[in-house]
All heavy atoms as atom14 arrays in JSON, in Angstrom:
{
  "sequence": "EGLLIHFGHQEYPNWEIILTHLREVIKTI",
  "atom14_mask": [
    [1, 1, 1, 1, 1, 1, 1, 1, 1, 0, 0, 0, 0, 0],
    [1, 1, 1, 1, 0, 0, 0, 0, 0, 0, 0, 0, 0, 0],
    [1, 1, 1, 1, 1, 1, 1, 1, 0, 0, 0, 0, 0, 0],
    [1, 1, 1, 1, 1, 1, 1, 1, 0, 0, 0, 0, 0, 0],
    [1, 1, 1, 1, 1, 1, 1, 1, 0, 0, 0, 0, 0, 0],
    [1, 1, 1, 1, 1, 1, 1, 1, 1, 1, 0, 0, 0, 0],
    [1, 1, 1, 1, 1, 1, 1, 1, 1, 1, 1, 0, 0, 0],
    [1, 1, 1, 1, 0, 0, 0, 0, 0, 0, 0, 0, 0, 0],
    [1, 1, 1, 1, 1, 1, 1, 1, 1, 1, 0, 0, 0, 0],
    [1, 1, 1, 1, 1, 1, 1, 1, 1, 0, 0, 0, 0, 0],
    [1, 1, 1, 1, 1, 1, 1, 1, 1, 0, 0, 0, 0, 0],
    [1, 1, 1, 1, 1, 1, 1, 1, 1, 1, 1, 1, 0, 0],
    [1, 1, 1, 1, 1, 1, 1, 0, 0, 0, 0, 0, 0, 0],
    [1, 1, 1, 1, 1, 1, 1, 1, 0, 0, 0, 0, 0, 0],
    [1, 1, 1, 1, 1, 1, 1, 1, 1, 1, 1, 1, 1, 1],
    [1, 1, 1, 1, 1, 1, 1, 1, 1, 0, 0, 0, 0, 0],
    [1, 1, 1, 1, 1, 1, 1, 1, 0, 0, 0, 0, 0, 0],
    [1, 1, 1, 1, 1, 1, 1, 1, 0, 0, 0, 0, 0, 0],
    [1, 1, 1, 1, 1, 1, 1, 1, 0, 0, 0, 0, 0, 0],
    [1, 1, 1, 1, 1, 1, 1, 0, 0, 0, 0, 0, 0, 0],
    [1, 1, 1, 1, 1, 1, 1, 1, 1, 1, 0, 0, 0, 0],
    [1, 1, 1, 1, 1, 1, 1, 1, 0, 0, 0, 0, 0, 0],
    [1, 1, 1, 1, 1, 1, 1, 1, 1, 1, 1, 0, 0, 0],
    [1, 1, 1, 1, 1, 1, 1, 1, 1, 0, 0, 0, 0, 0],
    [1, 1, 1, 1, 1, 1, 1, 0, 0, 0, 0, 0, 0, 0],
    [1, 1, 1, 1, 1, 1, 1, 1, 0, 0, 0, 0, 0, 0],
    [1, 1, 1, 1, 1, 1, 1, 1, 1, 0, 0, 0, 0, 0],
    [1, 1, 1, 1, 1, 1, 1, 0, 0, 0, 0, 0, 0, 0],
    [1, 1, 1, 1, 1, 1, 1, 1, 0, 0, 0, 0, 0, 0]
  ],
  "atom14_positions": [
    [[0.79, -1.24, 0.04], [0.0, 0.01, 0.01], [0.82, 1.26, -0.01], [0.31, 2.34, -0.28], [-1.0, 0.01, 1.16], [-2.0, -1.07, 1.02], [-2.93, -1.18, 2.23], [-2.84, -0.34, 3.16], [-3.81, -2.05, 2.23], [0.0, 0.0, 0.0], [0.0, 0.0, 0.0], [0.0, 0.0, 0.0], [0.0, 0.0, 0.0], [0.0, 0.0, 0.0]],
    [[2.12, 1.2, 0.27], [2.95, 2.37, 0.3], [3.59, 2.59, -1.11], [3.18, 2.06, -2.11], [0.0, 0.0, 0.0], [0.0, 0.0, 0.0], [0.0, 0.0, 0.0], [0.0, 0.0, 0.0], [0.0, 0.0, 0.0], [0.0, 0.0, 0.0], [0.0, 0.0, 0.0], [0.0, 0.0, 0.0], [0.0, 0.0, 0.0], [0.0, 0.0, 0.0]],
    [[4.66, 3.38, -1.13], [5.41, 3.61, -2.36], [6.38, 2.49, -2.67], [7.17, 2.04, -1.79], [6.27, 4.91, -2.15], [7.25, 5.28, -3.26], [6.48, 5.62, -4.57], [8.14, 6.43, -2.88], [0.0, 0.0, 0.0], [0.0, 0.0, 0.0], [0.0, 0.0, 0.0], [0.0, 0.0, 0.0], [0.0, 0.0, 0.0], [0.0, 0.0, 0.0]],
    [[6.29, 1.9, -3.86], [7.19, 0.88, -4.34], [8.25, 1.55, -5.2], [8.01, 2.19, -6.19], [6.47, -0.19, -5.15], [7.36, -1.28, -5.84], [8.08, -2.1, -4.78], [6.52, -2.11, -6.69], [0.0, 0.0, 0.0], [0.0, 0.0, 0.0], [0.0, 0.0, 0.0], [0.0, 0.0, 0.0], [0.0, 0.0, 0.0], [0.0, 0.0, 0.0]],
    [[9.53, 1.41, -4.75], [10.67, 1.88, -5.53], [11.29, 0.66, -6.18], [11.74, -0.24, -5.5], [11.65, 2.6, -4.61], [10.98, 3.87, -4.06], [12.96, 2.89, -5.41], [11.94, 4.64, -3.1], [0.0, 0.0, 0.0], [0.0, 0.0, 0.0], [0.0, 0.0, 0.0], [0.0, 0.0, 0.0], [0.0, 0.0, 0.0], [0.0, 0.0, 0.0]],
    [[11.24, 0.63, -7.47], [11.61, -0.52, -8.28], [13.14, -0.47, -8.59], [13.61, 0.08, -9.53], [10.86, -0.52, -9.58], [10.75, -1.8, -10.28], [10.03, -2.07, -11.42], [11.44, -3.03, -10.04], [10.2, -3.34, -11.78], [11.0, -3.88, -11.0], [0.0, 0.0, 0.0], [0.0, 0.0, 0.0], [0.0, 0.0, 0.0], [0.0, 0.0, 0.0]],
    [[13.9, -1.06, -7.71], [15.38, -1.04, -7.71], [15.89, -1.67, -9.02], [15.43, -2.72, -9.42], [15.93, -1.78, -6.52], [17.44, -1.75, -6.43], [18.13, -0.72, -5.85], [18.16, -2.74, -7.0], [19.44, -0.6, -5.82], [19.55, -2.72, -7.0], [20.25, -1.66, -6.4], [0.0, 0.0, 0.0], [0.0, 0.0, 0.0], [0.0, 0.0, 0.0]],
    [[16.92, -1.03, -9.56], [17.59, -1.63, -10.72], [16.95, -1.31, -12.08], [17.46, -1.75, -13.08], [0.0, 0.0, 0.0], [0.0, 0.0, 0.0], [0.0, 0.0, 0.0], [0.0, 0.0, 0.0], [0.0, 0.0, 0.0], [0.0, 0.0, 0.0], [0.0, 0.0, 0.0], [0.0, 0.0, 0.0], [0.0, 0.0, 0.0], [0.0, 0.0, 0.0]],
    [[15.88, -0.58, -12.03], [15.21, -0.26, -13.34], [15.43, 1.15, -13.67], [16.03, 1.91, -12.93], [13.7, -0.69, -13.25], [13.55, -2.18, -13.17], [13.4, -2.97, -14.31], [13.63, -3.05, -12.12], [13.38, -4.23, -13.94], [13.44, -4.33, -12.67], [0.0, 0.0, 0.0], [0.0, 0.0, 0.0], [0.0, 0.0, 0.0], [0.0, 0.0, 0.0]],
    [[14.92, 1.57, -14.83], [15.23, 2.87, -15.42], [15.29, 3.97, -14.41], [16.24, 4.73, -14.32], [14.22, 3.24, -16.51], [14.51, 2.68, -17.87], [13.46, 3.16, -18.83], [12.26, 3.32, -18.49], [13.89, 3.41, -20.04], [0.0, 0.0, 0.0], [0.0, 0.0, 0.0], [0.0, 0.0, 0.0], [0.0, 0.0, 0.0], [0.0, 0.0, 0.0]],
    [[14.15, 4.23, -13.69], [14.13, 5.36, -12.81], [14.99, 5.24, -11.57], [15.45, 6.24, -11.04], [12.63, 5.49, -12.36], [12.32, 6.86, -11.76], [10.87, 7.07, -11.48], [10.06, 6.19, -11.94], [10.57, 8.07, -10.89], [0.0, 0.0, 0.0], [0.0, 0.0, 0.0], [0.0, 0.0, 0.0], [0.0, 0.0, 0.0], [0.0, 0.0, 0.0]],
    [[15.26, 4.03, -11.15], [16.07, 3.74, -9.93], [17.14, 2.74, -10.19], [17.06, 1.59, -9.62], [15.15, 3.3, -8.77], [13.98, 4.26, -8.51], [12.69, 3.91, -8.85], [14.2, 5.5, -7.94], [11.64, 4.76, -8.65], [13.17, 6.37, -7.69], [11.91, 6.03, -8.04], [10.81, 6.86, -7.83], [0.0, 0.0, 0.0], [0.0, 0.0, 0.0]],
    [[18.12, 3.04, -10.99], [19.13, 2.04, -11.36], [20.17, 1.66, -10.36], [20.8, 0.62, -10.36], [19.84, 2.68, -12.56], [19.68, 4.13, -12.31], [18.36, 4.31, -11.64], [0.0, 0.0, 0.0], [0.0, 0.0, 0.0], [0.0, 0.0, 0.0], [0.0, 0.0, 0.0], [0.0, 0.0, 0.0], [0.0, 0.0, 0.0], [0.0, 0.0, 0.0]],
    [[20.35, 2.52, -9.27], [21.33, 2.24, -8.26], [20.99, 2.93, -6.92], [20.09, 3.7, -6.86], [22.7, 2.7, -8.79], [22.76, 4.16, -9.13], [22.26, 4.98, -8.38], [23.28, 4.43, -10.35], [0.0, 0.0, 0.0], [0.0, 0.0, 0.0], [0.0, 0.0, 0.0], [0.0, 0.0, 0.0], [0.0, 0.0, 0.0], [0.0, 0.0, 0.0]],
    [[21.84, 2.61, -5.97], [21.55, 3.15, -4.6], [21.77, 4.66, -4.54], [21.08, 5.32, -3.75], [22.47, 2.41, -3.54], [21.72, 1.16, -3.11], [22.05, -0.11, -3.43], [20.55, 1.13, -2.3], [21.17, -0.95, -2.89], [20.23, -0.24, -2.16], [19.77, 2.09, -1.65], [19.15, -0.67, -1.41], [18.69, 1.65, -0.93], [18.38, 0.34, -0.78]],
    [[22.69, 5.22, -5.22], [22.96, 6.64, -5.2], [21.68, 7.41, -5.67], [21.26, 8.33, -4.96], [24.1, 7.0, -6.13], [24.49, 8.48, -6.15], [25.64, 8.75, -7.06], [26.29, 7.86, -7.54], [25.87, 10.02, -7.29], [0.0, 0.0, 0.0], [0.0, 0.0, 0.0], [0.0, 0.0, 0.0], [0.0, 0.0, 0.0], [0.0, 0.0, 0.0]],
    [[21.03, 7.0, -6.69], [19.84, 7.66, -7.15], [18.68, 7.41, -6.2], [17.9, 8.34, -5.9], [19.51, 7.19, -8.62], [20.54, 7.83, -9.58], [18.08, 7.6, -9.04], [20.48, 7.36, -10.98], [0.0, 0.0, 0.0], [0.0, 0.0, 0.0], [0.0, 0.0, 0.0], [0.0, 0.0, 0.0], [0.0, 0.0, 0.0], [0.0, 0.0, 0.0]],
    [[18.59, 6.21, -5.63], [17.54, 5.94, -4.7], [17.66, 6.83, -3.45], [16.66, 7.36, -2.99], [17.52, 4.46, -4.33], [16.93, 3.63, -5.53], [16.72, 4.18, -3.06], [16.93, 2.16, -5.31], [0.0, 0.0, 0.0], [0.0, 0.0, 0.0], [0.0, 0.0, 0.0], [0.0, 0.0, 0.0], [0.0, 0.0, 0.0], [0.0, 0.0, 0.0]],
    [[18.86, 6.97, -2.93], [19.1, 7.77, -1.75], [18.69, 9.24, -2.05], [18.06, 9.88, -1.22], [20.46, 7.71, -1.22], [20.87, 6.45, -0.47], [22.32, 6.42, -0.14], [19.97, 6.26, 0.73], [0.0, 0.0, 0.0], [0.0, 0.0, 0.0], [0.0, 0.0, 0.0], [0.0, 0.0, 0.0], [0.0, 0.0, 0.0], [0.0, 0.0, 0.0]],
    [[19.07, 9.77, -3.2], [18.67, 11.12, -3.54], [17.14, 11.22, -3.58], [16.58, 12.17, -3.03], [19.28, 11.48, -4.94], [20.68, 11.37, -4.86], [18.86, 12.9, -5.39], [0.0, 0.0, 0.0], [0.0, 0.0, 0.0], [0.0, 0.0, 0.0], [0.0, 0.0, 0.0], [0.0, 0.0, 0.0], [0.0, 0.0, 0.0], [0.0, 0.0, 0.0]],
    [[16.49, 10.29, -4.18], [15.0, 10.28, -4.29], [14.4, 10.19, -2.86], [13.43, 10.85, -2.56], [14.56, 9.14, -5.21], [13.01, 9.12, -5.32], [12.31, 10.08, -5.96], [12.18, 8.23, -4.82], [11.04, 9.82, -5.88], [10.93, 8.66, -5.18], [0.0, 0.0, 0.0], [0.0, 0.0, 0.0], [0.0, 0.0, 0.0], [0.0, 0.0, 0.0]],
    [[14.98, 9.29, -2.07], [14.42, 9.03, -0.75], [14.48, 10.29, 0.14], [13.61, 10.52, 0.96], [15.12, 7.92, -0.01], [14.63, 6.54, -0.41], [15.49, 5.47, 0.28], [13.16, 6.32, -0.13], [0.0, 0.0, 0.0], [0.0, 0.0, 0.0], [0.0, 0.0, 0.0], [0.0, 0.0, 0.0], [0.0, 0.0, 0.0], [0.0, 0.0, 0.0]],
    [[15.53, 11.07, -0.01], [15.67, 12.31, 0.8], [14.45, 13.19, 0.53], [13.91, 13.79, 1.46], [16.94, 13.04, 0.47], [18.16, 12.4, 1.06], [19.42, 13.3, 0.79], [20.61, 12.41, 0.94], [21.27, 11.82, -0.06], [20.96, 12.1, -1.28], [22.31, 11.07, 0.2], [0.0, 0.0, 0.0], [0.0, 0.0, 0.0], [0.0, 0.0, 0.0]],
    [[14.04, 13.33, -0.71], [12.9, 14.12, -1.1], [11.59, 13.53, -0.58], [10.74, 14.22, -0.05], [12.83, 14.39, -2.64], [13.93, 15.21, -3.13], [13.98, 16.61, -2.47], [12.91, 17.22, -2.35], [15.1, 17.04, -2.1], [0.0, 0.0, 0.0], [0.0, 0.0, 0.0], [0.0, 0.0, 0.0], [0.0, 0.0, 0.0], [0.0, 0.0, 0.0]],
    [[11.45, 12.22, -0.74], [10.23, 11.55, -0.32], [10.12, 11.62, 1.23], [9.0, 11.92, 1.68], [10.24, 10.04, -0.75], [9.15, 9.27, -0.11], [10.12, 9.95, -2.29], [0.0, 0.0, 0.0], [0.0, 0.0, 0.0], [0.0, 0.0, 0.0], [0.0, 0.0, 0.0], [0.0, 0.0, 0.0], [0.0, 0.0, 0.0], [0.0, 0.0, 0.0]],
    [[11.15, 11.39, 1.95], [11.13, 11.43, 3.35], [10.76, 12.81, 3.83], [9.95, 13.01, 4.75], [12.48, 10.97, 3.99], [12.58, 9.47, 3.74], [12.53, 11.31, 5.42], [13.98, 8.89, 3.99], [0.0, 0.0, 0.0], [0.0, 0.0, 0.0], [0.0, 0.0, 0.0], [0.0, 0.0, 0.0], [0.0, 0.0, 0.0], [0.0, 0.0, 0.0]],
    [[11.3, 13.79, 3.25], [11.09, 15.21, 3.57], [9.58, 15.54, 3.33], [8.91, 16.09, 4.19], [11.93, 16.16, 2.75], [11.75, 17.58, 3.04], [12.63, 18.43, 2.2], [12.31, 19.94, 2.33], [13.05, 20.75, 1.41], [0.0, 0.0, 0.0], [0.0, 0.0, 0.0], [0.0, 0.0, 0.0], [0.0, 0.0, 0.0], [0.0, 0.0, 0.0]],
    [[9.06, 15.13, 2.2], [7.64, 15.38, 1.83], [6.7, 14.66, 2.79], [5.77, 15.28, 3.28], [7.4, 14.98, 0.38], [8.29, 15.64, -0.51], [5.95, 15.24, -0.05], [0.0, 0.0, 0.0], [0.0, 0.0, 0.0], [0.0, 0.0, 0.0], [0.0, 0.0, 0.0], [0.0, 0.0, 0.0], [0.0, 0.0, 0.0], [0.0, 0.0, 0.0]],
    [[6.97, 13.41, 3.07], [6.09, 12.63, 3.94], [6.14, 13.16, 5.3], [5.06, 13.28, 6.0], [6.41, 11.11, 3.9], [6.06, 10.56, 2.52], [5.7, 10.36, 4.97], [6.49, 9.12, 2.29], [0.0, 0.0, 0.0], [0.0, 0.0, 0.0], [0.0, 0.0, 0.0], [0.0, 0.0, 0.0], [0.0, 0.0, 0.0], [0.0, 0.0, 0.0]]
  ]
}
């Protein structure tokens, strides 16, 4: 029911990009 981050695919290919995205998501939530 929460946000699914699809690791290893186009939008989220690696941990560096995921961490950048998570900072924004965590801040917003």
